[in-house]
Amino acid sequence: MSKPKLLIVEDDPGLCAQYRWAFPAWRVVIANDRRQAEATARREQPAAVLLDLGLPPDAEGVAEGFATLAALRALAPGLPIIVASGQGQRETMLRAVGLGAYDFCEKPVDLDVLRTILDRALHVRALEEENQRLAAAPRPSPIADIITADESMLKLCRSIERLATVSVPVLLLGESGTGKEALARALHQLGPRASKPFIALNCAAIPEALLESELFGHERGAFTGAVRQVTGQIEAAHGGTLFLDEIGDLPMSLQAKLLRFLQDQMIERIGGRTKIRVDVRVVSATNQPLEEQAETGGFRQDLLYRLNALTLRVPPLRERGGDALLLARWFLARHGQEAQRRLRGFDDTALAAIAAHPWPGNVRELGNRIQRAALMSEGPLLSAADLELAQAVPLAEPASEDLDLRAARARAEREMIGRALARCNGSLSAAARLLGISRPTLYDLLETHGLSPQRADANPS
């Protein structure tokens, strides 16, 4: 492993020479004044700094040394800086520590003590960086089929975890393609019914004439063509979970029969006379405004009350922060492997287009576009054209143009950090190098802008 870098800010040539051989475990770089110290810190990104307070043009005082300390702290807030000075007054020591110095040594310096301080500083910094990395990393979704770093989606996953242990009906509201079925499966798989059947039925995909038989089953001879007894999906889900997707499309004629089943957990097959007790948890989903339909008579209000003992709203992809890029990388790895192609990632046009596209089809649309591009693209990097997305262009300036320089700088920083993390697959070290800043500076910027490095190590939704 390469040696850690130690920046020594000292104007005495004799001491500089002594320091060069005194720290064999470090790669020593020298700066003689504040300007050199800032330039060297930017270029070398040292692991620690040994700073003399008596620097030119104030070699007999401490003003320039404290100015250098402040400049280095602003440049790299997490950088441990050990102050070594002949100005040994107690006030000077306290001021240095108050301004963020890691430790203080009086000259002449005891090299053994200084080596111990530096080793300890390096160890503490490594621990702090690891803690910051863990804090900045997106918290993993508790649900296997959901990949997200968005706080609202993570909160929804935690709600699913809690509700999985009880058998109350749950209504999932959200646009098509947002992962409602994956959440319904999680309610089943994380609960006590996991070993029993999970039956999914799309109420909009089955003709009304067949839907009643599909739900409740029928006896032989119940109607023309009923040549044998058929078990309905409700009965087939006994002991497990019945997921009714697109419940808003359930015909009014069947809503009353479903309500009766939810009230007493008993069904009758079509053409049958025997009541059958069924123990089923019902989870339903829709992209329609059931509350409005209930008010206008398009959906039974009493059935809605039975279905939505608890209602969970699934946010669309466009409201999930950087999840589009997070999911895009996962889909690219998956579909690239399926197509047996070595795809390296997305170019700048694709990254900008993915971030700007509203994704009306949500996760399903994103997956389909990337699958198509992975099969048809000619190069190792997918472009906006490969994804069949319009290249993102700057929005026209509004009439009341915002000239707040601080806000503009913050927007630019956030955009560049997001693009760097996306290009580097969430690697903080690589993103810091690409941005030309230190890792501690990148950690501070992540915290300032509420960003998280994005990983592609889970399943999608």
Protein backbone atom coordinates (compact mmCIF):
# COMPACT_ATOMS: atom_id res chain seq x y z
CA MET A 1 0.00 0.00 0.00
CA SER A 2 1.19 3.55 -0.75
CA LYS A 3 2.38 5.66 2.15
CA PRO A 4 0.03 8.32 3.54
CA LYS A 5 1.00 11.88 2.64
CA LEU A 6 2.12 14.31 5.33
CA LEU A 7 2.07 18.00 4.41
CA ILE A 8 4.59 19.99 6.45
CA VAL A 9 4.11 23.76 6.39
CA GLU A 10 7.42 25.17 7.65
CA ASP A 11 9.70 28.03 6.51
CA ASP A 12 12.89 26.81 8.27
CA PRO A 13 15.00 24.83 5.71
CA GLY A 14 16.86 22.99 8.48
CA LEU A 15 13.67 21.73 10.09
CA CYS A 16 12.26 20.78 6.68
CA ALA A 17 15.32 18.61 6.05
CA GLN A 18 15.00 17.03 9.49
CA TYR A 19 11.32 16.27 8.97
CA ARG A 20 11.99 14.58 5.62
CA TRP A 21 13.96 11.74 7.25
CA ALA A 22 12.11 11.73 10.59
CA PHE A 23 8.89 10.17 9.21
CA PRO A 24 9.81 7.10 7.14
CA ALA A 25 6.24 5.74 7.30
CA TRP A 26 4.93 8.87 5.55
CA ARG A 27 5.43 10.49 2.18
CA VAL A 28 6.49 14.03 3.19
CA VAL A 29 5.61 17.07 1.07
CA ILE A 30 6.79 20.56 2.01
CA ALA A 31 5.21 24.00 1.76
CA ASN A 32 6.88 27.20 2.99
CA ASP A 33 3.95 29.62 3.20
CA ARG A 34 0.17 29.83 3.09
CA ARG A 35 -0.12 30.04 -0.70
CA GLN A 36 2.05 26.97 -1.20
CA ALA A 37 0.22 25.14 1.58
CA GLU A 38 -3.20 25.64 -0.06
CA ALA A 39 -1.92 24.68 -3.51
CA THR A 40 -0.13 21.59 -2.20
CA ALA A 41 -3.15 20.49 -0.15
CA ARG A 42 -5.39 20.72 -3.22
CA ARG A 43 -2.94 18.83 -5.40
CA GLU A 44 -1.67 16.17 -3.00
CA GLN A 45 -4.72 15.68 -0.73
CA PRO A 46 -2.57 14.82 2.31
CA ALA A 47 -3.72 12.55 5.13
CA ALA A 48 -2.40 14.97 7.80
CA VAL A 49 -0.68 18.36 8.16
CA LEU A 50 2.11 19.56 10.46
CA LEU A 51 1.78 23.34 10.60
CA ASP A 52 4.17 25.94 11.99
CA LEU A 53 2.37 29.08 13.16
CA GLY A 54 5.34 31.39 12.50
CA LEU A 55 5.10 31.74 8.72
CA PRO A 56 6.20 34.58 6.42
CA PRO A 57 5.46 37.42 6.22
CA ASP A 58 4.74 37.19 9.99
CA ALA A 59 7.52 34.76 10.98
CA GLU A 60 7.75 36.22 14.51
CA GLY A 61 4.01 36.17 15.14
CA VAL A 62 1.10 33.77 14.71
CA ALA A 63 -1.33 35.68 12.48
CA GLU A 64 -0.20 34.07 9.21
CA GLY A 65 -0.11 30.62 10.81
CA PHE A 66 -3.68 30.95 12.03
CA ALA A 67 -4.75 32.23 8.61
CA THR A 68 -3.17 29.13 7.05
CA LEU A 69 -4.92 26.92 9.60
CA ALA A 70 -8.28 28.50 8.70
CA ALA A 71 -7.59 28.16 4.97
CA LEU A 72 -6.71 24.47 5.24
CA ARG A 73 -9.72 23.78 7.44
CA ALA A 74 -11.99 25.44 4.86
CA LEU A 75 -10.35 23.46 2.06
CA ALA A 76 -10.59 20.08 3.83
CA PRO A 77 -12.68 20.20 7.03
CA GLY A 78 -11.82 16.63 8.07
CA LEU A 79 -8.06 17.01 7.58
CA PRO A 80 -6.16 16.53 10.90
CA ILE A 81 -3.80 19.48 11.41
CA ILE A 82 -1.13 19.30 14.13
CA VAL A 83 0.21 22.72 15.09
CA ALA A 84 3.90 22.93 16.01
CA SER A 85 5.12 26.32 17.17
CA GLY A 86 7.60 28.04 19.38
CA GLN A 87 4.82 30.41 20.42
CA GLY A 88 3.95 28.24 23.39
CA GLN A 89 1.56 30.50 25.29
CA ARG A 90 -1.51 28.76 26.64
CA GLU A 91 -3.77 31.20 24.78
CA THR A 92 -2.12 30.24 21.48
CA MET A 93 -2.67 26.53 22.12
CA LEU A 94 -6.33 27.04 23.05
CA ARG A 95 -6.94 29.25 20.04
CA ALA A 96 -5.37 26.69 17.69
CA VAL A 97 -7.51 23.87 19.06
CA GLY A 98 -10.57 26.14 19.00
CA LEU A 99 -9.99 26.80 15.29
CA GLY A 100 -9.97 23.08 14.57
CA ALA A 101 -6.38 21.94 15.08
CA TYR A 102 -6.15 18.23 15.90
CA ASP A 103 -3.30 18.70 18.41
CA PHE A 104 -0.56 21.14 19.47
CA CYS A 105 3.19 20.56 19.96
CA GLU A 106 5.72 23.05 21.29
CA LYS A 107 9.06 23.50 19.58
CA PRO A 108 11.55 21.97 19.85
CA VAL A 109 9.38 19.02 18.88
CA ASP A 110 9.89 15.58 20.39
CA LEU A 111 9.85 13.45 17.21
CA ASP A 112 8.74 10.28 19.02
CA VAL A 113 5.76 12.10 20.49
CA LEU A 114 4.97 13.67 17.13
CA ARG A 115 5.07 10.27 15.38
CA THR A 116 2.60 8.93 17.94
CA ILE A 117 0.28 11.91 17.41
CA LEU A 118 0.42 11.48 13.64
CA ASP A 119 -0.27 7.76 13.79
CA ARG A 120 -3.22 8.36 16.09
CA ALA A 121 -4.54 11.13 13.82
CA LEU A 122 -4.36 8.83 10.80
CA HIS A 123 -6.22 6.06 12.64
CA VAL A 124 -8.92 8.43 13.92
CA ARG A 125 -9.38 9.92 10.47
CA ALA A 126 -9.82 6.47 8.95
CA LEU A 127 -12.53 5.71 11.51
CA GLU A 128 -14.27 9.03 10.85
CA GLU A 129 -14.22 8.46 7.09
CA GLU A 130 -15.69 5.01 7.52
CA ASN A 131 -18.43 6.38 9.77
CA GLN A 132 -19.17 9.13 7.27
CA ARG A 133 -19.23 6.64 4.41
CA LEU A 134 -21.70 4.45 6.25
CA ALA A 135 -23.84 7.46 7.17
CA ALA A 136 -23.79 8.82 3.62
CA ALA A 137 -24.53 5.49 1.97
CA PRO A 138 -28.18 4.88 1.12
CA ARG A 139 -29.84 2.70 3.67
CA PRO A 140 -30.65 -0.67 2.14
CA SER A 141 -34.29 -1.37 1.48
CA PRO A 142 -35.67 -3.98 3.87
CA ILE A 143 -37.58 -5.50 0.94
CA ALA A 144 -35.68 -7.75 -1.45
CA ASP A 145 -37.52 -6.67 -4.62
CA ILE A 146 -37.22 -2.94 -3.98
CA ILE A 147 -34.13 -0.88 -4.78
CA THR A 148 -34.25 2.69 -3.56
CA ALA A 149 -32.33 5.42 -1.78
CA ASP A 150 -35.34 7.73 -1.52
CA GLU A 151 -36.48 8.49 2.02
CA SER A 152 -40.21 8.35 1.20
CA MET A 153 -39.80 4.94 -0.43
CA LEU A 154 -37.66 3.66 2.45
CA LYS A 155 -40.36 4.82 4.87
CA LEU A 156 -42.94 2.92 2.82
CA CYS A 157 -40.78 -0.23 2.98
CA ARG A 158 -40.55 0.07 6.74
CA SER A 159 -44.35 0.36 6.91
CA ILE A 160 -44.66 -2.81 4.82
CA GLU A 161 -42.38 -4.60 7.29
CA ARG A 162 -44.58 -3.62 10.23
CA LEU A 163 -47.86 -4.47 8.48
CA ALA A 164 -46.64 -7.88 7.29
CA THR A 165 -47.15 -9.38 10.74
CA VAL A 166 -50.88 -8.54 10.89
CA SER A 167 -53.67 -9.66 8.55
CA VAL A 168 -55.57 -6.41 8.08
CA PRO A 169 -56.56 -5.49 4.49
CA VAL A 170 -54.13 -3.06 2.82
CA LEU A 171 -54.87 -0.80 -0.15
CA LEU A 172 -51.89 0.27 -2.28
CA LEU A 173 -52.41 3.46 -4.27
CA GLY A 174 -50.02 4.47 -7.03
CA GLU A 175 -49.42 4.86 -10.72
CA SER A 176 -48.89 1.85 -12.97
CA GLY A 177 -45.35 0.51 -12.91
CA THR A 178 -44.40 1.78 -9.45
CA GLY A 179 -43.98 -1.67 -7.88
CA LYS A 180 -47.32 -2.24 -6.14
CA GLU A 181 -47.26 -6.00 -6.75
CA ALA A 182 -43.71 -6.23 -5.35
CA LEU A 183 -44.91 -4.49 -2.19
CA ALA A 184 -47.93 -6.81 -1.97
CA ARG A 185 -45.63 -9.83 -2.26
CA ALA A 186 -43.48 -8.37 0.51
CA LEU A 187 -46.54 -8.11 2.78
CA HIS A 188 -47.05 -11.83 2.17
CA GLN A 189 -43.43 -13.02 2.31
CA LEU A 190 -42.45 -11.09 5.44
CA GLY A 191 -45.43 -12.33 7.45
CA PRO A 192 -46.71 -15.56 8.99
CA ARG A 193 -48.51 -16.53 5.74
CA ALA A 194 -45.28 -16.78 3.72
CA SER A 195 -45.47 -20.59 3.41
CA LYS A 196 -49.02 -20.41 2.01
CA PRO A 197 -50.15 -19.37 -1.50
CA PHE A 198 -49.81 -15.83 -2.89
CA ILE A 199 -52.45 -15.39 -5.59
CA ALA A 200 -52.36 -12.29 -7.82
CA LEU A 201 -55.40 -11.38 -9.93
CA ASN A 202 -55.66 -8.39 -12.28
CA CYS A 203 -59.29 -7.32 -12.20
CA ALA A 204 -58.90 -5.26 -15.39
CA ALA A 205 -57.40 -8.09 -17.46
CA ILE A 206 -60.28 -10.60 -17.16
CA PRO A 207 -63.62 -10.14 -19.01
CA GLU A 208 -66.51 -9.36 -16.69
CA ALA A 209 -68.36 -12.53 -17.74
CA LEU A 210 -65.46 -14.68 -16.50
CA LEU A 211 -64.32 -12.67 -13.51
CA GLU A 212 -66.93 -14.01 -11.06
CA SER A 213 -65.95 -17.60 -11.82
CA GLU A 214 -62.27 -16.68 -11.61
CA LEU A 215 -62.78 -15.21 -8.14
CA PHE A 216 -65.31 -17.59 -6.59
CA GLY A 217 -65.09 -20.74 -8.72
CA HIS A 218 -68.05 -22.75 -10.03
CA GLU A 219 -69.67 -26.15 -9.75
CA ARG A 220 -70.03 -28.57 -12.62
CA GLY A 221 -73.07 -27.68 -14.72
CA ALA A 222 -73.38 -24.20 -13.21
CA PHE A 223 -73.53 -22.72 -16.71
CA THR A 224 -73.02 -23.78 -20.31
CA GLY A 225 -69.49 -25.10 -20.70
CA ALA A 226 -68.97 -25.78 -16.97
CA VAL A 227 -67.99 -29.42 -17.45
CA ARG A 228 -66.10 -29.71 -14.18
CA GLN A 229 -65.83 -28.14 -10.77
CA VAL A 230 -63.34 -25.21 -10.66
CA THR A 231 -61.79 -23.71 -7.54
CA GLY A 232 -61.77 -19.91 -7.55
CA GLN A 233 -58.76 -17.77 -6.76
CA ILE A 234 -60.13 -16.75 -3.36
CA GLU A 235 -60.41 -20.37 -2.32
CA ALA A 236 -57.01 -21.20 -3.85
CA ALA A 237 -55.43 -18.52 -1.65
CA HIS A 238 -56.70 -20.17 1.57
CA GLY A 239 -54.23 -19.54 4.39
CA GLY A 240 -52.27 -17.08 2.26
CA THR A 241 -52.73 -13.74 0.49
CA LEU A 242 -55.02 -12.66 -2.35
CA PHE A 243 -53.71 -9.65 -4.29
CA LEU A 244 -56.41 -7.87 -6.29
CA ASP A 245 -54.68 -5.53 -8.72
CA GLU A 246 -56.62 -2.75 -10.46
CA ILE A 247 -59.44 -3.15 -7.93
CA GLY A 248 -60.98 0.04 -9.26
CA ASP A 249 -62.00 -1.87 -12.40
CA LEU A 250 -63.99 -4.49 -10.46
CA PRO A 251 -67.55 -4.52 -11.89
CA MET A 252 -70.25 -3.17 -9.62
CA SER A 253 -72.08 -6.50 -9.80
CA LEU A 254 -69.13 -8.24 -8.13
CA GLN A 255 -68.38 -5.56 -5.58
CA ALA A 256 -71.32 -6.62 -3.38
CA LYS A 257 -70.25 -10.27 -3.50
CA LEU A 258 -66.64 -9.38 -2.63
CA LEU A 259 -67.91 -7.21 0.24
CA ARG A 260 -69.89 -10.13 1.65
CA PHE A 261 -66.78 -12.34 1.54
CA LEU A 262 -64.68 -9.70 3.32
CA GLN A 263 -67.33 -9.40 6.04
CA ASP A 264 -67.70 -13.10 6.93
CA GLN A 265 -64.81 -14.88 5.13
CA MET A 266 -67.32 -17.25 3.48
CA ILE A 267 -67.82 -17.90 -0.24
CA GLU A 268 -70.17 -19.92 -2.45
CA ARG A 269 -69.07 -21.26 -5.80
CA ILE A 270 -71.29 -20.34 -8.74
CA GLY A 271 -74.03 -22.96 -8.89
CA GLY A 272 -73.18 -24.23 -5.42
CA ARG A 273 -75.26 -24.30 -2.25
CA THR A 274 -72.54 -24.94 0.32
CA LYS A 275 -70.77 -22.09 2.06
CA ILE A 276 -67.00 -22.50 2.22
CA ARG A 277 -64.96 -20.80 4.92
CA VAL A 278 -61.75 -19.27 3.59
CA ASP A 279 -58.97 -17.65 5.60
CA VAL A 280 -57.37 -15.11 3.24
CA ARG A 281 -55.60 -11.81 3.66
CA VAL A 282 -56.68 -9.38 0.94
CA VAL A 283 -54.27 -6.79 -0.46
CA SER A 284 -55.61 -4.58 -3.22
CA ALA A 285 -54.10 -1.98 -5.50
CA THR A 286 -55.26 0.66 -7.95
CA ASN A 287 -54.11 3.71 -9.85
CA GLN A 288 -57.60 5.19 -9.71
CA PRO A 289 -58.96 7.72 -7.17
CA LEU A 290 -61.30 5.36 -5.33
CA GLU A 291 -62.39 8.02 -2.85
CA GLU A 292 -63.73 10.18 -5.69
CA GLN A 293 -65.36 7.19 -7.35
CA ALA A 294 -67.05 6.25 -4.08
CA GLU A 295 -68.46 9.77 -3.75
CA THR A 296 -69.87 9.67 -7.29
CA GLY A 297 -71.22 6.12 -7.02
CA GLY A 298 -68.62 4.50 -9.27
CA PHE A 299 -67.31 2.33 -6.42
CA ARG A 300 -69.09 1.02 -3.33
CA GLN A 301 -68.21 3.11 -0.32
CA ASP A 302 -68.72 0.25 2.11
CA LEU A 303 -66.35 -1.96 0.06
CA LEU A 304 -63.76 0.80 0.04
CA TYR A 305 -63.94 0.95 3.85
CA ARG A 306 -63.31 -2.80 3.99
CA LEU A 307 -60.38 -2.68 1.55
CA ASN A 308 -58.55 0.30 2.97
CA ALA A 309 -58.20 -0.53 6.64
CA LEU A 310 -54.72 0.79 5.90
CA THR A 311 -53.81 2.77 2.78
CA LEU A 312 -50.24 3.10 1.50
CA ARG A 313 -49.38 5.52 -1.28
CA VAL A 314 -46.53 4.49 -3.59
CA PRO A 315 -44.62 7.51 -4.98
CA PRO A 316 -43.99 7.66 -8.75
CA LEU A 317 -40.41 7.36 -9.99
CA ARG A 318 -40.18 11.07 -10.83
CA GLU A 319 -40.66 11.88 -7.13
CA ARG A 320 -38.00 9.44 -5.89
CA GLY A 321 -34.89 11.64 -6.11
CA GLY A 322 -31.96 9.83 -7.72
CA ASP A 323 -33.70 6.44 -7.88
CA ALA A 324 -33.98 6.66 -11.69
CA LEU A 325 -30.17 6.58 -12.06
CA LEU A 326 -29.87 3.97 -9.32
CA LEU A 327 -32.35 1.68 -11.06
CA ALA A 328 -30.88 2.42 -14.49
CA ARG A 329 -27.49 1.02 -13.45
CA TRP A 330 -29.12 -2.09 -12.03
CA PHE A 331 -31.14 -2.70 -15.19
CA LEU A 332 -28.06 -2.11 -17.35
CA ALA A 333 -26.03 -4.71 -15.43
CA ARG A 334 -28.87 -7.21 -15.62
CA HIS A 335 -29.81 -6.76 -19.27
CA GLY A 336 -26.19 -6.44 -20.38
CA GLN A 337 -25.48 -9.82 -18.82
CA GLU A 338 -28.56 -11.36 -20.41
CA ALA A 339 -27.52 -10.01 -23.82
CA GLN A 340 -23.91 -11.17 -23.19
CA ARG A 341 -22.62 -7.67 -23.83
CA ARG A 342 -19.94 -5.73 -21.96
CA LEU A 343 -21.71 -2.43 -21.40
CA ARG A 344 -19.72 0.05 -19.33
CA GLY A 345 -22.49 2.46 -18.40
CA PHE A 346 -24.12 5.67 -19.61
CA ASP A 347 -22.60 8.69 -21.31
CA ASP A 348 -23.36 12.25 -20.22
CA THR A 349 -26.33 12.61 -22.57
CA ALA A 350 -27.95 9.47 -21.16
CA LEU A 351 -27.36 10.51 -17.54
CA ALA A 352 -28.88 13.93 -18.16
CA ALA A 353 -31.83 12.46 -20.08
CA ILE A 354 -32.57 9.85 -17.39
CA ALA A 355 -32.53 12.56 -14.71
CA ALA A 356 -34.77 14.90 -16.75
CA HIS A 357 -37.33 12.41 -18.10
CA PRO A 358 -40.66 12.39 -16.18
CA TRP A 359 -41.04 8.57 -16.49
CA PRO A 360 -44.81 8.35 -16.94
CA GLY A 361 -44.47 4.55 -17.08
CA ASN A 362 -42.32 4.56 -13.93
CA VAL A 363 -39.97 1.64 -13.19
CA ARG A 364 -41.55 -0.55 -15.88
CA GLU A 365 -40.83 2.06 -18.57
CA LEU A 366 -37.25 2.54 -17.35
CA GLY A 367 -36.56 -1.20 -17.42
CA ASN A 368 -38.04 -1.60 -20.91
CA ARG A 369 -36.03 1.29 -22.36
CA ILE A 370 -32.75 0.00 -20.94
CA GLN A 371 -33.45 -3.56 -22.05
CA ARG A 372 -34.08 -2.34 -25.59
CA ALA A 373 -30.97 -0.14 -25.55
CA ALA A 374 -28.80 -2.94 -24.15
CA LEU A 375 -29.78 -5.12 -27.11
CA MET A 376 -29.55 -2.50 -29.86
CA SER A 377 -26.76 -0.07 -28.88
CA GLU A 378 -23.53 -0.16 -30.87
CA GLY A 379 -21.03 1.12 -28.29
CA PRO A 380 -20.12 0.24 -24.71
CA LEU A 381 -21.76 3.42 -23.37
CA LEU A 382 -25.50 3.97 -23.76
CA SER A 383 -26.53 7.40 -25.01
CA ALA A 384 -29.81 9.31 -24.81
CA ALA A 385 -30.44 8.27 -28.41
CA ASP A 386 -29.99 4.60 -27.49
CA LEU A 387 -32.61 5.05 -24.77
CA GLU A 388 -34.86 6.89 -27.24
CA LEU A 389 -34.98 9.84 -24.89
CA ALA A 390 -34.71 13.49 -25.86
CA GLN A 391 -31.43 15.06 -24.82
CA ALA A 392 -31.93 17.30 -21.81
CA VAL A 393 -31.66 20.99 -22.67
CA PRO A 394 -31.48 23.93 -20.26
CA LEU A 395 -34.86 25.38 -19.42
CA ALA A 396 -35.60 28.87 -20.68
CA GLU A 397 -34.93 31.52 -18.08
CA PRO A 398 -38.12 32.77 -16.44
CA ALA A 399 -39.12 36.39 -16.75
CA SER A 400 -38.09 37.05 -13.17
CA GLU A 401 -34.60 35.59 -13.48
CA ASP A 402 -33.08 34.36 -10.23
CA LEU A 403 -29.68 36.00 -9.94
CA ASP A 404 -28.89 34.70 -6.45
CA LEU A 405 -25.27 33.59 -6.91
CA ARG A 406 -25.26 31.41 -3.79
CA ALA A 407 -28.38 29.52 -4.88
CA ALA A 408 -26.98 29.07 -8.40
CA ARG A 409 -23.70 27.74 -7.01
CA ALA A 410 -25.61 25.29 -4.78
CA ARG A 411 -27.67 24.05 -7.75
CA ALA A 412 -24.55 23.57 -9.85
CA GLU A 413 -22.74 21.75 -7.03
CA ARG A 414 -25.66 19.40 -6.46
CA GLU A 415 -25.97 18.60 -10.17
CA MET A 416 -22.25 17.96 -10.65
CA ILE A 417 -22.01 15.77 -7.54
CA GLY A 418 -24.99 13.71 -8.68
CA ARG A 419 -23.50 13.24 -12.13
CA ALA A 420 -20.09 12.30 -10.72
CA LEU A 421 -21.61 9.71 -8.36
CA ALA A 422 -23.68 8.26 -11.20
CA ARG A 423 -20.68 8.03 -13.51
CA CYS A 424 -18.53 6.44 -10.78
CA ASN A 425 -21.20 3.93 -9.65
CA GLY A 426 -21.40 5.56 -6.22
CA SER A 427 -17.65 5.29 -5.48
CA LEU A 428 -16.77 8.23 -3.25
CA SER A 429 -13.03 8.08 -3.97
CA ALA A 430 -13.53 8.02 -7.74
CA ALA A 431 -16.17 10.77 -7.59
CA ALA A 432 -13.88 12.98 -5.47
CA ARG A 433 -11.07 12.55 -8.00
CA LEU A 434 -13.43 13.35 -10.88
CA LEU A 435 -14.63 16.49 -9.10
CA GLY A 436 -11.10 17.51 -8.12
CA ILE A 437 -11.84 17.64 -4.39
CA SER A 438 -10.90 15.59 -1.33
CA ARG A 439 -13.09 12.84 0.08
CA PRO A 440 -13.78 14.79 3.30
CA THR A 441 -14.89 17.76 1.20
CA LEU A 442 -17.18 15.46 -0.79
CA TYR A 443 -18.68 14.09 2.46
CA ASP A 444 -19.43 17.64 3.62
CA LEU A 445 -21.04 18.49 0.27
CA LEU A 446 -23.17 15.32 0.39
CA GLU A 447 -24.45 16.32 3.82
CA THR A 448 -25.01 19.94 2.75
CA HIS A 449 -27.08 19.00 -0.30
CA GLY A 450 -28.83 15.99 1.24
CA LEU A 451 -27.36 13.62 -1.33
CA SER A 452 -26.39 9.96 -1.03
CA PRO A 453 -23.98 7.88 -3.10
CA GLN A 454 -26.06 5.49 -5.14
CA ARG A 455 -25.36 1.78 -5.27
CA ALA A 456 -26.62 -0.87 -7.63
CA ASP A 457 -26.55 -3.89 -5.38
CA ALA A 458 -30.18 -4.80 -4.95
CA ASN A 459 -33.25 -5.78 -6.96
CA PRO A 460 -35.44 -3.24 -8.72
CA SER A 461 -38.75 -1.57 -8.13
